[in-house]
């Protein structure tokens, strides 16, 4: 199997990198969520629509196209709602909602003009109204709509719906999440199956894994460069065998994570093995990303834990992403089961 990016995917990656280079200086990487103007610019270029289905105005790309965008975002430590908002929530609306609902929510999300969030929680429906609570909804503070999911059901909830309350929470990476309280909240049930929900979550998860792979590559590049410049005992620390071993192990973890990511992305989204391969990539990749980020901070010394360097910010971003939709050990338990 050929895992190389196609010419079209290479152009897509270059486009994302140019947008990020213009709007996100390297020194500011990971400091705060991507500005709305830059997110809108990505939408205008069609980048956000690459993996959305064609019937909703998307380009009909698959997981392999989605990870090209996500990995480029991760490499720049760009904090965006691409994984959950686009690959998860907007995609599920596009596939299972009505044409009018897709026009109202998916098109603005794909253009970067509005946002939809994926909300999990202990929710029940009574007399057509939702009751319950969804803790820690990423990007939920400013979302114009929510796709509220349980293991077997999904509802579309407008951000201004009666009975919906949200409390903002700042996460370690600087992004703003929210806790949703639904008390007789108006909602529209989506005609989904448990399999639909599982695949939507897996697509969002795949995006986050690709972001972590991109960040690992950036962290290794930064750490190698620093080790070649930092001198101790009259010589660069890159000449020390213990440092070389650490860098080699970091690189091995990156390549193993990338291999599992590519395996998952090469699996058809609607195929029987897609979800399992994504879980496998999370089971290894989340721990690998955490290890690489911690080693990068360690090798940078005291400066590594400050907000002044990208490595400290990337560590905080990875700490958030490794816990989204379950930790690595929970993914391993699912595989074992």
C-alpha atoms as a PDB file:
ATOM      1  CA  UNK A   1       0.000   0.000   0.000  1.00  0.00           C
ATOM      2  CA  UNK A   2       1.282   3.459  -0.952  1.00  0.00           C
ATOM      3  CA  UNK A   3       1.092   5.810   2.038  1.00  0.00           C
ATOM      4  CA  UNK A   4       2.581   8.810   0.225  1.00  0.00           C
ATOM      5  CA  UNK A   5       0.394  11.886  -0.098  1.00  0.00           C
ATOM      6  CA  UNK A   6      -1.106  12.508  -3.516  1.00  0.00           C
ATOM      7  CA  UNK A   7      -0.355  15.642  -5.513  1.00  0.00           C
ATOM      8  CA  UNK A   8      -3.743  17.052  -4.473  1.00  0.00           C
ATOM      9  CA  UNK A   9      -3.058  16.303  -0.801  1.00  0.00           C
ATOM     10  CA  UNK A  10       0.377  17.925  -1.061  1.00  0.00           C
ATOM     11  CA  UNK A  11      -1.253  21.071  -2.474  1.00  0.00           C
ATOM     12  CA  UNK A  12      -3.811  20.992   0.335  1.00  0.00           C
ATOM     13  CA  UNK A  13      -1.044  20.689   2.946  1.00  0.00           C
ATOM     14  CA  UNK A  14       0.888  23.562   1.374  1.00  0.00           C
ATOM     15  CA  UNK A  15      -2.238  25.715   1.377  1.00  0.00           C
ATOM     16  CA  UNK A  16      -2.813  25.093   5.077  1.00  0.00           C
ATOM     17  CA  UNK A  17       0.826  25.839   5.850  1.00  0.00           C
ATOM     18  CA  UNK A  18       0.681  29.140   3.915  1.00  0.00           C
ATOM     19  CA  UNK A  19      -2.445  30.272   5.758  1.00  0.00           C
ATOM     20  CA  UNK A  20      -0.861  29.387   9.088  1.00  0.00           C
ATOM     21  CA  UNK A  21       2.433  31.073   8.215  1.00  0.00           C
ATOM     22  CA  UNK A  22       0.607  34.283   7.261  1.00  0.00           C
ATOM     23  CA  UNK A  23      -1.634  34.406  10.321  1.00  0.00           C
ATOM     24  CA  UNK A  24       0.247  32.550  13.032  1.00  0.00           C
ATOM     25  CA  UNK A  25       3.874  33.603  13.627  1.00  0.00           C
ATOM     26  CA  UNK A  26       6.030  30.706  14.829  1.00  0.00           C
ATOM     27  CA  UNK A  27       6.791  32.553  18.065  1.00  0.00           C
ATOM     28  CA  UNK A  28       3.060  32.701  18.886  1.00  0.00           C
ATOM     29  CA  UNK A  29       2.319  29.042  18.141  1.00  0.00           C
ATOM     30  CA  UNK A  30       0.083  27.530  20.792  1.00  0.00           C
ATOM     31  CA  UNK A  31      -0.388  30.776  22.736  1.00  0.00           C
ATOM     32  CA  UNK A  32      -4.119  31.075  22.069  1.00  0.00           C
ATOM     33  CA  UNK A  33      -6.833  29.672  19.804  1.00  0.00           C
ATOM     34  CA  UNK A  34      -6.619  30.609  16.140  1.00  0.00           C
ATOM     35  CA  UNK A  35      -8.055  34.095  15.493  1.00  0.00           C
ATOM     36  CA  UNK A  36     -11.481  34.131  13.869  1.00  0.00           C
ATOM     37  CA  UNK A  37     -10.153  35.931  10.789  1.00  0.00           C
ATOM     38  CA  UNK A  38      -7.622  33.192  10.057  1.00  0.00           C
ATOM     39  CA  UNK A  39     -10.216  30.464  10.654  1.00  0.00           C
ATOM     40  CA  UNK A  40     -12.529  32.248   8.222  1.00  0.00           C
ATOM     41  CA  UNK A  41      -9.685  32.441   5.693  1.00  0.00           C
ATOM     42  CA  UNK A  42      -9.282  28.664   5.844  1.00  0.00           C
ATOM     43  CA  UNK A  43     -13.007  28.308   5.270  1.00  0.00           C
ATOM     44  CA  UNK A  44     -12.999  30.619   2.250  1.00  0.00           C
ATOM     45  CA  UNK A  45     -10.252  28.513   0.675  1.00  0.00           C
ATOM     46  CA  UNK A  46     -12.332  25.352   1.071  1.00  0.00           C
ATOM     47  CA  UNK A  47      -9.898  23.737   3.501  1.00  0.00           C
ATOM     48  CA  UNK A  48     -12.532  23.036   6.156  1.00  0.00           C
ATOM     49  CA  UNK A  49     -14.861  21.362   3.658  1.00  0.00           C
ATOM     50  CA  UNK A  50     -12.323  18.864   2.363  1.00  0.00           C
ATOM     51  CA  UNK A  51     -13.674  15.865   4.297  1.00  0.00           C
ATOM     52  CA  UNK A  52     -17.359  16.814   4.419  1.00  0.00           C
ATOM     53  CA  UNK A  53     -19.795  14.891   2.195  1.00  0.00           C
ATOM     54  CA  UNK A  54     -20.629  16.329  -1.189  1.00  0.00           C
ATOM     55  CA  UNK A  55     -24.385  16.415  -0.569  1.00  0.00           C
ATOM     56  CA  UNK A  56     -23.758  19.094   2.069  1.00  0.00           C
ATOM     57  CA  UNK A  57     -21.426  21.147  -0.109  1.00  0.00           C
ATOM     58  CA  UNK A  58     -18.209  19.439   0.959  1.00  0.00           C
ATOM     59  CA  UNK A  59     -15.488  17.970  -1.220  1.00  0.00           C
ATOM     60  CA  UNK A  60     -16.207  14.361  -0.304  1.00  0.00           C
ATOM     61  CA  UNK A  61     -12.703  13.578   0.908  1.00  0.00           C
ATOM     62  CA  UNK A  62     -11.919  10.698   3.220  1.00  0.00           C
ATOM     63  CA  UNK A  63      -9.908  10.206   6.402  1.00  0.00           C
ATOM     64  CA  UNK A  64      -6.629  10.434   4.468  1.00  0.00           C
ATOM     65  CA  UNK A  65      -7.520  13.961   3.340  1.00  0.00           C
ATOM     66  CA  UNK A  66      -8.659  14.963   6.822  1.00  0.00           C
ATOM     67  CA  UNK A  67      -5.368  14.027   8.453  1.00  0.00           C
ATOM     68  CA  UNK A  68      -3.393  16.117   5.950  1.00  0.00           C
ATOM     69  CA  UNK A  69      -5.138  19.229   7.289  1.00  0.00           C
ATOM     70  CA  UNK A  70      -5.051  18.092  10.927  1.00  0.00           C
ATOM     71  CA  UNK A  71      -1.358  17.189  10.890  1.00  0.00           C
ATOM     72  CA  UNK A  72      -0.459  20.573   9.396  1.00  0.00           C
ATOM     73  CA  UNK A  73      -2.497  22.283  12.119  1.00  0.00           C
ATOM     74  CA  UNK A  74      -0.713  20.237  14.754  1.00  0.00           C
ATOM     75  CA  UNK A  75       2.725  20.995  13.339  1.00  0.00           C
ATOM     76  CA  UNK A  76       1.977  24.709  13.794  1.00  0.00           C
ATOM     77  CA  UNK A  77       0.460  24.067  17.269  1.00  0.00           C
ATOM     78  CA  UNK A  78      -2.674  25.755  15.947  1.00  0.00           C
ATOM     79  CA  UNK A  79      -5.564  25.495  18.409  1.00  0.00           C
ATOM     80  CA  UNK A  80      -8.740  25.070  16.345  1.00  0.00           C
ATOM     81  CA  UNK A  81     -12.093  23.219  16.424  1.00  0.00           C
ATOM     82  CA  UNK A  82     -11.276  21.332  13.216  1.00  0.00           C
ATOM     83  CA  UNK A  83     -11.339  17.820  14.690  1.00  0.00           C
ATOM     84  CA  UNK A  84     -14.528  17.978  16.745  1.00  0.00           C
ATOM     85  CA  UNK A  85     -16.344  20.856  15.104  1.00  0.00           C
ATOM     86  CA  UNK A  86     -15.797  19.856  11.474  1.00  0.00           C
ATOM     87  CA  UNK A  87     -14.823  16.175  11.360  1.00  0.00           C
ATOM     88  CA  UNK A  88     -17.182  15.266  14.203  1.00  0.00           C
ATOM     89  CA  UNK A  89     -20.218  17.522  14.617  1.00  0.00           C
ATOM     90  CA  UNK A  90     -20.582  19.142  11.166  1.00  0.00           C
ATOM     91  CA  UNK A  91     -19.941  15.844   9.410  1.00  0.00           C
ATOM     92  CA  UNK A  92     -22.652  14.054  11.412  1.00  0.00           C
ATOM     93  CA  UNK A  93     -25.154  16.839  10.640  1.00  0.00           C
ATOM     94  CA  UNK A  94     -24.212  16.686   6.959  1.00  0.00           C
ATOM     95  CA  UNK A  95     -24.782  12.931   6.790  1.00  0.00           C
ATOM     96  CA  UNK A  96     -27.931  12.562   8.889  1.00  0.00           C
ATOM     97  CA  UNK A  97     -29.767  15.893   9.128  1.00  0.00           C
ATOM     98  CA  UNK A  98     -32.190  17.359   6.609  1.00  0.00           C
ATOM     99  CA  UNK A  99     -31.034  19.493   3.701  1.00  0.00           C
ATOM    100  CA  UNK A 100     -32.368  22.620   5.428  1.00  0.00           C
ATOM    101  CA  UNK A 101     -30.483  21.797   8.638  1.00  0.00           C
ATOM    102  CA  UNK A 102     -27.285  21.158   6.671  1.00  0.00           C
ATOM    103  CA  UNK A 103     -27.690  24.496   4.912  1.00  0.00           C
ATOM    104  CA  UNK A 104     -28.260  26.272   8.213  1.00  0.00           C
ATOM    105  CA  UNK A 105     -25.371  24.737  10.168  1.00  0.00           C
ATOM    106  CA  UNK A 106     -22.903  22.837   7.966  1.00  0.00           C
ATOM    107  CA  UNK A 107     -22.330  25.466   5.279  1.00  0.00           C
ATOM    108  CA  UNK A 108     -21.471  28.264   7.748  1.00  0.00           C
ATOM    109  CA  UNK A 109     -19.210  25.888   9.693  1.00  0.00           C
ATOM    110  CA  UNK A 110     -17.394  24.826   6.510  1.00  0.00           C
ATOM    111  CA  UNK A 111     -16.920  28.478   5.593  1.00  0.00           C
ATOM    112  CA  UNK A 112     -15.478  29.288   9.017  1.00  0.00           C
ATOM    113  CA  UNK A 113     -18.337  31.691   9.798  1.00  0.00           C
ATOM    114  CA  UNK A 114     -20.000  29.664  12.557  1.00  0.00           C
ATOM    115  CA  UNK A 115     -19.162  26.738  14.798  1.00  0.00           C
ATOM    116  CA  UNK A 116     -20.892  23.571  15.920  1.00  0.00           C
ATOM    117  CA  UNK A 117     -19.710  21.499  18.866  1.00  0.00           C
ATOM    118  CA  UNK A 118     -19.940  17.846  19.801  1.00  0.00           C
ATOM    119  CA  UNK A 119     -21.396  17.326  23.272  1.00  0.00           C
ATOM    120  CA  UNK A 120     -21.388  14.034  25.190  1.00  0.00           C
ATOM    121  CA  UNK A 121     -23.181  13.526  28.460  1.00  0.00           C
ATOM    122  CA  UNK A 122     -25.850  11.951  30.587  1.00  0.00           C
ATOM    123  CA  UNK A 123     -28.883  13.119  28.627  1.00  0.00           C
ATOM    124  CA  UNK A 124     -32.445  11.836  28.316  1.00  0.00           C
ATOM    125  CA  UNK A 125     -35.375  12.921  26.161  1.00  0.00           C
ATOM    126  CA  UNK A 126     -38.814  13.415  27.708  1.00  0.00           C
ATOM    127  CA  UNK A 127     -41.766  14.720  25.705  1.00  0.00           C
ATOM    128  CA  UNK A 128     -39.429  15.931  22.968  1.00  0.00           C
ATOM    129  CA  UNK A 129     -37.261  17.923  25.380  1.00  0.00           C
ATOM    130  CA  UNK A 130     -33.727  17.159  26.585  1.00  0.00           C
ATOM    131  CA  UNK A 131     -32.746  16.920  30.214  1.00  0.00           C
ATOM    132  CA  UNK A 132     -29.253  16.323  31.540  1.00  0.00           C
ATOM    133  CA  UNK A 133     -25.723  17.611  31.614  1.00  0.00           C
ATOM    134  CA  UNK A 134     -22.786  17.532  29.210  1.00  0.00           C
ATOM    135  CA  UNK A 135     -19.500  18.254  31.012  1.00  0.00           C
ATOM    136  CA  UNK A 136     -16.453  19.725  29.297  1.00  0.00           C
ATOM    137  CA  UNK A 137     -17.766  20.372  25.795  1.00  0.00           C
ATOM    138  CA  UNK A 138     -14.766  21.498  23.756  1.00  0.00           C
ATOM    139  CA  UNK A 139     -15.435  24.775  21.915  1.00  0.00           C
ATOM    140  CA  UNK A 140     -18.833  24.872  23.590  1.00  0.00           C
ATOM    141  CA  UNK A 141     -18.628  28.412  24.976  1.00  0.00           C
ATOM    142  CA  UNK A 142     -19.141  30.116  21.601  1.00  0.00           C
ATOM    143  CA  UNK A 143     -20.781  27.384  19.516  1.00  0.00           C
ATOM    144  CA  UNK A 144     -23.868  28.384  17.525  1.00  0.00           C
ATOM    145  CA  UNK A 145     -25.203  24.814  17.705  1.00  0.00           C
ATOM    146  CA  UNK A 146     -24.507  21.490  19.409  1.00  0.00           C
ATOM    147  CA  UNK A 147     -24.745  17.884  18.364  1.00  0.00           C
ATOM    148  CA  UNK A 148     -25.612  16.233  21.684  1.00  0.00           C
ATOM    149  CA  UNK A 149     -24.800  12.524  21.645  1.00  0.00           C
ATOM    150  CA  UNK A 150     -25.169   9.461  23.808  1.00  0.00           C
ATOM    151  CA  UNK A 151     -24.034   5.971  22.823  1.00  0.00           C
ATOM    152  CA  UNK A 152     -27.108   5.425  20.651  1.00  0.00           C
ATOM    153  CA  UNK A 153     -28.826   8.785  20.064  1.00  0.00           C
ATOM    154  CA  UNK A 154     -28.053  12.253  18.756  1.00  0.00           C
ATOM    155  CA  UNK A 155     -29.894  15.571  18.831  1.00  0.00           C
ATOM    156  CA  UNK A 156     -29.309  18.898  17.139  1.00  0.00           C
ATOM    157  CA  UNK A 157     -29.588  21.803  19.591  1.00  0.00           C
ATOM    158  CA  UNK A 158     -29.414  25.467  18.650  1.00  0.00           C
ATOM    159  CA  UNK A 159     -27.104  27.554  20.781  1.00  0.00           C
ATOM    160  CA  UNK A 160     -29.935  29.908  21.743  1.00  0.00           C
ATOM    161  CA  UNK A 161     -32.433  27.144  22.544  1.00  0.00           C
ATOM    162  CA  UNK A 162     -34.704  27.654  25.529  1.00  0.00           C
ATOM    163  CA  UNK A 163     -33.644  25.491  28.458  1.00  0.00           C
ATOM    164  CA  UNK A 164     -29.951  25.451  27.471  1.00  0.00           C
ATOM    165  CA  UNK A 165     -27.390  26.942  29.854  1.00  0.00           C
ATOM    166  CA  UNK A 166     -23.619  26.883  29.512  1.00  0.00           C
ATOM    167  CA  UNK A 167     -20.776  27.656  31.885  1.00  0.00           C
ATOM    168  CA  UNK A 168     -17.414  28.475  30.294  1.00  0.00           C
ATOM    169  CA  UNK A 169     -14.232  26.637  31.308  1.00  0.00           C
ATOM    170  CA  UNK A 170     -10.705  27.517  30.203  1.00  0.00           C
ATOM    171  CA  UNK A 171      -8.641  24.428  29.388  1.00  0.00           C
ATOM    172  CA  UNK A 172      -4.894  24.005  29.863  1.00  0.00           C
ATOM    173  CA  UNK A 173      -4.159  24.873  26.227  1.00  0.00           C
ATOM    174  CA  UNK A 174      -6.063  28.165  26.418  1.00  0.00           C
ATOM    175  CA  UNK A 175      -9.147  26.992  24.518  1.00  0.00           C
ATOM    176  CA  UNK A 176     -12.563  27.649  26.042  1.00  0.00           C
ATOM    177  CA  UNK A 177     -14.862  24.718  26.743  1.00  0.00           C
ATOM    178  CA  UNK A 178     -18.247  24.723  28.458  1.00  0.00           C
ATOM    179  CA  UNK A 179     -20.429  22.613  30.671  1.00  0.00           C
ATOM    180  CA  UNK A 180     -23.931  22.366  29.222  1.00  0.00           C
ATOM    181  CA  UNK A 181     -27.032  22.035  31.364  1.00  0.00           C
ATOM    182  CA  UNK A 182     -30.185  21.008  29.532  1.00  0.00           C
ATOM    183  CA  UNK A 183     -33.395  21.587  31.457  1.00  0.00           C
ATOM    184  CA  UNK A 184     -36.343  21.011  29.153  1.00  0.00           C
ATOM    185  CA  UNK A 185     -34.222  22.033  26.172  1.00  0.00           C
ATOM    186  CA  UNK A 186     -35.757  22.049  22.690  1.00  0.00           C
ATOM    187  CA  UNK A 187     -33.933  19.696  20.334  1.00  0.00           C
ATOM    188  CA  UNK A 188     -34.275  17.887  17.030  1.00  0.00           C
ATOM    189  CA  UNK A 189     -33.550  14.166  17.055  1.00  0.00           C
ATOM    190  CA  UNK A 190     -31.205  13.029  14.278  1.00  0.00           C
ATOM    191  CA  UNK A 191     -31.935   9.681  12.572  1.00  0.00           C
ATOM    192  CA  UNK A 192     -28.681   8.013  13.594  1.00  0.00           C
ATOM    193  CA  UNK A 193     -27.532   4.584  14.683  1.00  0.00           C
ATOM    194  CA  UNK A 194     -24.973   3.693  17.307  1.00  0.00           C
ATOM    195  CA  UNK A 195     -22.590   2.981  14.424  1.00  0.00           C
ATOM    196  CA  UNK A 196     -23.069   6.511  13.031  1.00  0.00           C
ATOM    197  CA  UNK A 197     -22.171   8.034  16.390  1.00  0.00           C
ATOM    198  CA  UNK A 198     -19.161   5.785  16.846  1.00  0.00           C
ATOM    199  CA  UNK A 199     -17.792   6.750  13.426  1.00  0.00           C
ATOM    200  CA  UNK A 200     -18.353  10.472  14.042  1.00  0.00           C
ATOM    201  CA  UNK A 201     -16.416  10.266  17.310  1.00  0.00           C
ATOM    202  CA  UNK A 202     -13.713   8.201  15.582  1.00  0.00           C
ATOM    203  CA  UNK A 203     -13.301  10.867  12.874  1.00  0.00           C
ATOM    204  CA  UNK A 204     -12.867  13.565  15.507  1.00  0.00           C
ATOM    205  CA  UNK A 205     -10.438  11.318  17.344  1.00  0.00           C
ATOM    206  CA  UNK A 206      -8.491  10.726  14.129  1.00  0.00           C
ATOM    207  CA  UNK A 207      -8.119  14.473  13.676  1.00  0.00           C
ATOM    208  CA  UNK A 208      -6.702  14.855  17.169  1.00  0.00           C
ATOM    209  CA  UNK A 209      -4.254  11.981  16.660  1.00  0.00           C
ATOM    210  CA  UNK A 210      -3.034  13.631  13.451  1.00  0.00           C
ATOM    211  CA  UNK A 211      -2.593  16.919  15.323  1.00  0.00           C
ATOM    212  CA  UNK A 212      -0.481  15.151  17.944  1.00  0.00           C
ATOM    213  CA  UNK A 213       1.668  13.554  15.234  1.00  0.00           C
ATOM    214  CA  UNK A 214       2.235  16.994  13.716  1.00  0.00           C
ATOM    215  CA  UNK A 215       3.178  18.427  17.108  1.00  0.00           C
ATOM    216  CA  UNK A 216       5.563  15.548  17.817  1.00  0.00           C
ATOM    217  CA  UNK A 217       7.416  16.279  14.578  1.00  0.00           C
ATOM    218  CA  UNK A 218       7.703  19.977  15.473  1.00  0.00           C
ATOM    219  CA  UNK A 219       8.849  19.203  19.021  1.00  0.00           C
ATOM    220  CA  UNK A 220      11.576  16.878  17.770  1.00  0.00           C
ATOM    221  CA  UNK A 221      12.804  19.453  15.237  1.00  0.00           C
ATOM    222  CA  UNK A 222      12.917  22.167  17.898  1.00  0.00           C
ATOM    223  CA  UNK A 223      14.678  19.905  20.387  1.00  0.00           C
ATOM    224  CA  UNK A 224      17.312  18.707  17.910  1.00  0.00           C
ATOM    225  CA  UNK A 225      18.029  22.322  16.966  1.00  0.00           C
ATOM    226  CA  UNK A 226      18.297  23.349  20.630  1.00  0.00           C
ATOM    227  CA  UNK A 227      20.556  20.385  21.475  1.00  0.00           C
ATOM    228  CA  UNK A 228      22.940  21.396  18.688  1.00  0.00           C
ATOM    229  CA  UNK A 229      23.157  24.951  20.014  1.00  0.00           C
ATOM    230  CA  UNK A 230      23.135  24.394  23.781  1.00  0.00           C
ATOM    231  CA  UNK A 231      26.669  23.884  25.039  1.00  0.00           C
ATOM    232  CA  UNK A 232      27.700  22.157  28.234  1.00  0.00           C
ATOM    233  CA  UNK A 233      31.246  21.217  29.295  1.00  0.00           C
ATOM    234  CA  UNK A 234      32.504  23.054  26.208  1.00  0.00           C
ATOM    235  CA  UNK A 235      30.517  21.050  23.641  1.00  0.00           C
ATOM    236  CA  UNK A 236      26.949  20.830  22.254  1.00  0.00           C
ATOM    237  CA  UNK A 237      24.715  18.598  24.343  1.00  0.00           C
ATOM    238  CA  UNK A 238      23.721  16.887  21.071  1.00  0.00           C
ATOM    239  CA  UNK A 239      27.091  15.116  21.222  1.00  0.00           C
ATOM    240  CA  UNK A 240      26.184  13.434  24.529  1.00  0.00           C
ATOM    241  CA  UNK A 241      25.156   9.846  24.072  1.00  0.00           C
ATOM    242  CA  UNK A 242      22.306  10.042  26.576  1.00  0.00           C
ATOM    243  CA  UNK A 243      20.805  12.986  24.668  1.00  0.00           C
ATOM    244  CA  UNK A 244      21.199  11.158  21.364  1.00  0.00           C
ATOM    245  CA  UNK A 245      19.394   8.130  22.802  1.00  0.00           C
ATOM    246  CA  UNK A 246      16.539  10.293  24.043  1.00  0.00           C
ATOM    247  CA  UNK A 247      16.164  11.948  20.634  1.00  0.00           C
ATOM    248  CA  UNK A 248      16.267   8.583  18.884  1.00  0.00           C
ATOM    249  CA  UNK A 249      13.514   7.193  21.109  1.00  0.00           C
ATOM    250  CA  UNK A 250      11.423  10.325  20.503  1.00  0.00           C
ATOM    251  CA  UNK A 251      11.784   9.838  16.759  1.00  0.00           C
ATOM    252  CA  UNK A 252      10.826   6.155  17.003  1.00  0.00           C
ATOM    253  CA  UNK A 253       7.655   7.045  18.904  1.00  0.00           C
ATOM    254  CA  UNK A 254       6.791   9.626  16.261  1.00  0.00           C
ATOM    255  CA  UNK A 255       7.211   7.181  13.381  1.00  0.00           C
ATOM    256  CA  UNK A 256       5.275   4.424  15.127  1.00  0.00           C
ATOM    257  CA  UNK A 257       2.452   6.863  15.859  1.00  0.00           C
ATOM    258  CA  UNK A 258       2.458   8.067  12.257  1.00  0.00           C
ATOM    259  CA  UNK A 259       2.302   4.486  10.991  1.00  0.00           C
ATOM    260  CA  UNK A 260      -0.770   3.736  13.099  1.00  0.00           C
ATOM    261  CA  UNK A 261      -2.337   7.031  12.028  1.00  0.00           C
ATOM    262  CA  UNK A 262      -1.794   6.221   8.339  1.00  0.00           C
ATOM    263  CA  UNK A 263      -3.194   2.731   8.845  1.00  0.00           C
ATOM    264  CA  UNK A 264      -6.381   4.176  10.318  1.00  0.00           C
ATOM    265  CA  UNK A 265      -6.652   6.889   7.663  1.00  0.00           C
ATOM    266  CA  UNK A 266      -6.182   4.350   4.862  1.00  0.00           C
ATOM    267  CA  UNK A 267      -9.198   2.402   6.136  1.00  0.00           C
ATOM    268  CA  UNK A 268     -12.529   3.397   4.527  1.00  0.00           C
ATOM    269  CA  UNK A 269     -14.608   5.483   6.920  1.00  0.00           C
ATOM    270  CA  UNK A 270     -17.602   3.199   6.478  1.00  0.00           C
ATOM    271  CA  UNK A 271     -15.552  -0.002   6.602  1.00  0.00           C
ATOM    272  CA  UNK A 272     -15.777  -2.515   9.441  1.00  0.00           C
ATOM    273  CA  UNK A 273     -12.257  -1.855  10.752  1.00  0.00           C
ATOM    274  CA  UNK A 274     -12.156   1.946  10.756  1.00  0.00           C
ATOM    275  CA  UNK A 275     -13.159   2.538  14.368  1.00  0.00           C
ATOM    276  CA  UNK A 276     -10.886  -0.222  15.659  1.00  0.00           C
ATOM    277  CA  UNK A 277      -7.871   1.175  13.807  1.00  0.00           C
ATOM    278  CA  UNK A 278      -8.548   4.679  15.149  1.00  0.00           C
ATOM    279  CA  UNK A 279      -8.750   3.300  18.691  1.00  0.00           C
ATOM    280  CA  UNK A 280      -5.450   1.502  18.110  1.00  0.00           C
ATOM    281  CA  UNK A 281      -3.809   4.713  16.911  1.00  0.00           C
ATOM    282  CA  UNK A 282      -5.095   6.537  20.008  1.00  0.00           C
ATOM    283  CA  UNK A 283      -3.973   3.729  22.331  1.00  0.00           C
ATOM    284  CA  UNK A 284      -0.348   4.179  21.265  1.00  0.00           C
ATOM    285  CA  UNK A 285      -0.216   7.715  19.888  1.00  0.00           C
ATOM    286  CA  UNK A 286      -1.568   9.538  22.939  1.00  0.00           C
ATOM    287  CA  UNK A 287       1.056   8.083  25.275  1.00  0.00           C
ATOM    288  CA  UNK A 288       3.769   8.581  22.644  1.00  0.00           C
ATOM    289  CA  UNK A 289       2.858  12.252  22.210  1.00  0.00           C
ATOM    290  CA  UNK A 290       2.884  12.821  25.953  1.00  0.00           C
ATOM    291  CA  UNK A 291       6.324  11.168  26.207  1.00  0.00           C
ATOM    292  CA  UNK A 292       7.779  13.186  23.311  1.00  0.00           C
ATOM    293  CA  UNK A 293       6.438  16.466  24.731  1.00  0.00           C
ATOM    294  CA  UNK A 294       7.775  15.739  28.208  1.00  0.00           C
ATOM    295  CA  UNK A 295      11.205  14.781  26.848  1.00  0.00           C
ATOM    296  CA  UNK A 296      11.291  17.944  24.726  1.00  0.00           C
ATOM    297  CA  UNK A 297      10.570  20.041  27.817  1.00  0.00           C
ATOM    298  CA  UNK A 298      13.179  18.109  29.808  1.00  0.00           C
ATOM    299  CA  UNK A 299      15.893  18.598  27.194  1.00  0.00           C
ATOM    300  CA  UNK A 300      15.140  22.312  26.997  1.00  0.00           C
ATOM    301  CA  UNK A 301      15.727  22.616  30.738  1.00  0.00           C
ATOM    302  CA  UNK A 302      13.945  25.154  32.913  1.00  0.00           C
ATOM    303  CA  UNK A 303      12.913  27.267  29.916  1.00  0.00           C
ATOM    304  CA  UNK A 304      10.908  24.329  28.592  1.00  0.00           C
ATOM    305  CA  UNK A 305       8.171  24.700  31.192  1.00  0.00           C
ATOM    306  CA  UNK A 306       7.650  28.422  30.586  1.00  0.00           C
ATOM    307  CA  UNK A 307       5.166  30.039  28.244  1.00  0.00           C
ATOM    308  CA  UNK A 308       8.070  31.638  26.399  1.00  0.00           C
ATOM    309  CA  UNK A 309       8.892  28.533  24.368  1.00  0.00           C
ATOM    310  CA  UNK A 310       6.661  26.568  21.995  1.00  0.00           C
ATOM    311  CA  UNK A 311       7.575  23.275  23.685  1.00  0.00           C
ATOM    312  CA  UNK A 312       5.790  24.211  26.903  1.00  0.00           C
ATOM    313  CA  UNK A 313       2.672  25.296  25.026  1.00  0.00           C
ATOM    314  CA  UNK A 314       2.691  22.147  22.893  1.00  0.00           C
ATOM    315  CA  UNK A 315       2.899  20.018  26.038  1.00  0.00           C
ATOM    316  CA  UNK A 316      -0.226  21.702  27.403  1.00  0.00           C
ATOM    317  CA  UNK A 317      -2.044  21.213  24.101  1.00  0.00           C
ATOM    318  CA  UNK A 318      -1.101  17.531  24.034  1.00  0.00           C
ATOM    319  CA  UNK A 319      -2.211  17.111  27.643  1.00  0.00           C
ATOM    320  CA  UNK A 320      -5.682  18.258  26.594  1.00  0.00           C
ATOM    321  CA  UNK A 321      -5.860  16.159  23.417  1.00  0.00           C
ATOM    322  CA  UNK A 322      -4.752  12.938  25.097  1.00  0.00           C
ATOM    323  CA  UNK A 323      -7.870  13.057  27.310  1.00  0.00           C
ATOM    324  CA  UNK A 324     -10.460  13.820  24.632  1.00  0.00           C
ATOM    325  CA  UNK A 325     -12.885  10.895  24.215  1.00  0.00           C
ATOM    326  CA  UNK A 326     -10.947   8.840  26.748  1.00  0.00           C
ATOM    327  CA  UNK A 327      -7.323   8.294  27.682  1.00  0.00           C
ATOM    328  CA  UNK A 328      -4.873   5.913  26.025  1.00  0.00           C
ATOM    329  CA  UNK A 329      -5.325   3.264  28.711  1.00  0.00           C
ATOM    330  CA  UNK A 330      -9.097   3.318  28.116  1.00  0.00           C
ATOM    331  CA  UNK A 331      -8.461   2.843  24.388  1.00  0.00           C
ATOM    332  CA  UNK A 332      -6.294  -0.172  25.168  1.00  0.00           C
ATOM    333  CA  UNK A 333      -9.066  -1.610  27.331  1.00  0.00           C
ATOM    334  CA  UNK A 334     -11.508  -1.232  24.431  1.00  0.00           C
ATOM    335  CA  UNK A 335      -9.120  -3.041  22.113  1.00  0.00           C
ATOM    336  CA  UNK A 336      -8.637  -5.829  24.619  1.00  0.00           C
ATOM    337  CA  UNK A 337     -12.387  -6.213  25.018  1.00  0.00           C
END
